[in-house]
Amino acid sequence: MTAQQVPFVISRVFNVPRERVWQAWTDVEQVKQWWGPIGFVVTYCKLDLRPGGIGHYCLRAPDGSDLWGRFAYREIVRPERLVWINSFSDKDGGLTVHPMNPTWPREMHTTVTFKNLGGTKTEVTVTWLPLEGSSDLERATFEAGRPSMTMGWTGTLEQFAGYLAKAG
């Protein structure tokens, strides 16, 4: 591919201090309460929050099917940034293709930043990009998938907002 791929970026501001937002993204018991698009429920989640550590999770879809995924953590800068490689997986943590879109990039570089906006507000920004070495077809699938990425991440951030409101 000759042109530089433009990352997918989505941001949202939460009326919660940055440290509280950081905890909700890094504490496995809290992540279980909100991770995934609206209608999906976490049925399994394990986080080894360190560079080189693996996060492994299962989301139960509204139709009852299970979607497994994993994070391979690359960078953790408390309370500013999390960087991981995201992929679909099997129940044992092995890499798999997207169960509904086999040409989706097998691995996505994910950066989540937490920007302090004056003590009681935090901006969360998610940046997604196919990992270097992705095929032209995977990159084209990524480009075509921007509306579904927006829908999925908007739903996830909406669930996160609901969790923060309930958790206090």
Protein backbone atom coordinates (compact mmCIF):
# COMPACT_ATOMS: atom_id res chain seq x y z
CA MET A 1 0.00 0.00 0.00
CA THR A 2 1.49 3.31 -1.00
CA ALA A 3 -0.50 5.72 1.16
CA GLN A 4 -0.17 5.96 4.92
CA GLN A 5 -3.20 4.42 6.62
CA VAL A 6 -5.28 6.92 8.59
CA PRO A 7 -6.05 5.66 12.08
CA PHE A 8 -9.56 5.31 13.44
CA VAL A 9 -9.91 7.73 16.36
CA ILE A 10 -12.80 8.22 18.77
CA SER A 11 -12.90 10.38 21.92
CA ARG A 12 -15.32 11.06 24.73
CA VAL A 13 -15.18 13.27 27.83
CA PHE A 14 -16.28 11.84 31.18
CA ASN A 15 -17.11 13.92 34.25
CA VAL A 16 -14.82 11.81 36.39
CA PRO A 17 -11.21 12.38 37.56
CA ARG A 18 -8.52 10.70 35.48
CA GLU A 19 -7.37 8.33 38.24
CA ARG A 20 -10.92 6.96 38.57
CA VAL A 21 -11.14 6.43 34.78
CA TRP A 22 -7.73 4.74 34.77
CA GLN A 23 -8.83 2.33 37.52
CA ALA A 24 -11.96 1.39 35.58
CA TRP A 25 -9.84 0.52 32.50
CA THR A 26 -7.19 -1.44 34.40
CA ASP A 27 -9.00 -3.28 37.22
CA VAL A 28 -10.36 -6.57 35.88
CA GLU A 29 -13.43 -6.57 38.13
CA GLN A 30 -14.40 -3.13 36.83
CA VAL A 31 -13.65 -3.96 33.18
CA LYS A 32 -16.03 -6.93 33.45
CA GLN A 33 -18.85 -4.50 34.23
CA TRP A 34 -18.65 -2.37 31.09
CA TRP A 35 -16.34 -3.72 28.33
CA GLY A 36 -17.87 -4.25 24.89
CA PRO A 37 -20.57 -2.75 22.70
CA ILE A 38 -24.11 -2.24 23.99
CA GLY A 39 -25.92 -5.54 24.37
CA PHE A 40 -22.73 -7.56 24.90
CA VAL A 41 -21.84 -9.00 28.31
CA VAL A 42 -18.38 -10.00 29.55
CA THR A 43 -18.47 -13.66 30.59
CA TYR A 44 -14.71 -14.07 31.10
CA CYS A 45 -11.90 -11.56 31.59
CA LYS A 46 -8.31 -11.85 32.73
CA LEU A 47 -5.81 -8.98 32.57
CA ASP A 48 -2.05 -9.28 33.05
CA LEU A 49 -1.46 -5.54 33.06
CA ARG A 50 2.23 -5.18 32.23
CA PRO A 51 4.25 -4.77 29.05
CA GLY A 52 4.31 -8.25 27.54
CA GLY A 53 1.25 -9.29 29.55
CA ILE A 54 -1.90 -10.68 27.96
CA GLY A 55 -5.51 -9.75 28.49
CA HIS A 56 -8.07 -12.35 27.45
CA TYR A 57 -11.83 -11.89 27.40
CA CYS A 58 -15.11 -13.31 26.16
CA LEU A 59 -18.10 -11.23 25.13
CA ARG A 60 -21.51 -12.85 24.89
CA ALA A 61 -23.43 -11.29 21.99
CA PRO A 62 -27.17 -10.57 22.18
CA ASP A 63 -27.78 -13.68 20.04
CA GLY A 64 -25.99 -15.84 22.63
CA SER A 65 -22.81 -16.41 20.63
CA ASP A 66 -19.41 -15.89 22.24
CA LEU A 67 -16.69 -13.61 20.84
CA TRP A 68 -13.23 -14.12 22.30
CA GLY A 69 -10.53 -11.47 22.15
CA ARG A 70 -7.12 -10.69 23.53
CA PHE A 71 -4.81 -7.80 24.31
CA ALA A 72 -1.03 -8.10 24.15
CA TYR A 73 0.07 -5.14 26.26
CA ARG A 74 2.98 -3.13 24.90
CA GLU A 75 2.99 0.00 27.05
CA ILE A 76 1.40 1.07 30.32
CA VAL A 77 1.93 4.64 31.51
CA ARG A 78 -0.22 5.24 34.58
CA PRO A 79 -2.57 7.18 34.40
CA GLU A 80 -1.95 8.50 30.88
CA ARG A 81 -1.86 5.72 28.30
CA LEU A 82 -2.44 2.06 27.52
CA VAL A 83 -1.06 0.49 24.34
CA TRP A 84 -1.85 -3.04 23.22
CA ILE A 85 -2.23 -5.27 20.19
CA ASN A 86 -5.88 -6.33 19.93
CA SER A 87 -7.02 -9.47 18.15
CA PHE A 88 -9.81 -11.99 18.07
CA SER A 89 -8.93 -15.23 19.79
CA ASP A 90 -10.17 -18.65 20.74
CA LYS A 91 -11.05 -19.68 24.28
CA ASP A 92 -7.42 -20.70 24.86
CA GLY A 93 -6.04 -17.28 23.83
CA GLY A 94 -4.76 -18.27 20.39
CA LEU A 95 -5.15 -15.73 17.56
CA THR A 96 -8.08 -16.22 15.20
CA VAL A 97 -9.76 -14.29 12.42
CA HIS A 98 -12.82 -12.12 12.99
CA PRO A 99 -15.69 -14.61 13.23
CA MET A 100 -17.98 -12.55 11.00
CA ASN A 101 -15.41 -10.86 8.77
CA PRO A 102 -12.42 -13.06 7.87
CA THR A 103 -10.63 -10.26 5.98
CA TRP A 104 -10.59 -8.00 9.07
CA PRO A 105 -6.99 -7.26 10.20
CA ARG A 106 -5.81 -10.08 12.46
CA GLU A 107 -4.06 -7.62 14.77
CA MET A 108 -4.90 -4.02 15.62
CA HIS A 109 -2.56 -1.53 17.28
CA THR A 110 -4.64 0.09 20.03
CA THR A 111 -3.73 3.21 21.99
CA VAL A 112 -6.01 4.56 24.71
CA THR A 113 -5.10 7.92 26.22
CA PHE A 114 -6.54 9.50 29.35
CA LYS A 115 -6.27 13.31 29.31
CA ASN A 116 -6.87 15.24 32.51
CA LEU A 117 -9.20 18.16 31.71
CA GLY A 118 -8.99 20.04 34.98
CA GLY A 119 -9.33 17.51 37.77
CA THR A 120 -12.94 16.38 37.47
CA LYS A 121 -13.08 15.66 33.74
CA THR A 122 -11.16 13.15 31.66
CA GLU A 123 -10.99 12.76 27.90
CA VAL A 124 -10.58 9.15 26.74
CA THR A 125 -9.29 8.75 23.19
CA VAL A 126 -9.04 5.40 21.43
CA THR A 127 -6.80 5.14 18.36
CA TRP A 128 -6.95 2.00 16.23
CA LEU A 129 -4.78 1.00 13.30
CA PRO A 130 -4.04 -2.33 11.58
CA LEU A 131 -0.69 -3.66 12.72
CA GLU A 132 2.25 -3.19 10.37
CA GLY A 133 2.41 -6.11 7.99
CA SER A 134 -1.35 -6.28 7.50
CA SER A 135 -2.30 -7.18 3.95
CA ASP A 136 -3.79 -4.72 1.47
CA LEU A 137 -7.09 -6.60 1.76
CA GLU A 138 -7.04 -6.28 5.56
CA ARG A 139 -6.30 -2.56 5.28
CA ALA A 140 -9.14 -2.10 2.79
CA THR A 141 -11.48 -4.01 5.12
CA PHE A 142 -10.40 -1.70 7.95
CA GLU A 143 -11.22 1.37 5.80
CA ALA A 144 -14.63 -0.04 4.87
CA GLY A 145 -15.30 -0.88 8.52
CA ARG A 146 -15.15 2.66 9.90
CA PRO A 147 -18.95 2.91 10.42
CA SER A 148 -19.01 -0.36 12.37
CA MET A 149 -15.95 0.69 14.40
CA THR A 150 -17.73 3.94 15.25
CA MET A 151 -20.84 2.04 16.29
CA GLY A 152 -18.91 -0.51 18.37
CA TRP A 153 -16.64 1.95 20.15
CA THR A 154 -19.50 4.42 20.70
CA GLY A 155 -21.47 1.62 22.36
CA THR A 156 -18.48 0.58 24.47
CA LEU A 157 -17.90 4.16 25.63
CA GLU A 158 -21.63 4.48 26.34
CA GLN A 159 -21.51 1.34 28.51
CA PHE A 160 -18.43 2.80 30.21
CA ALA A 161 -20.32 6.05 30.95
CA GLY A 162 -23.21 4.04 32.38
CA TYR A 163 -20.83 2.05 34.57
CA LEU A 164 -19.17 5.22 35.89
CA ALA A 165 -22.58 6.76 36.69
CA LYS A 166 -23.67 3.64 38.64
CA ALA A 167 -20.32 3.04 40.35
CA GLY A 168 -20.03 6.63 41.54
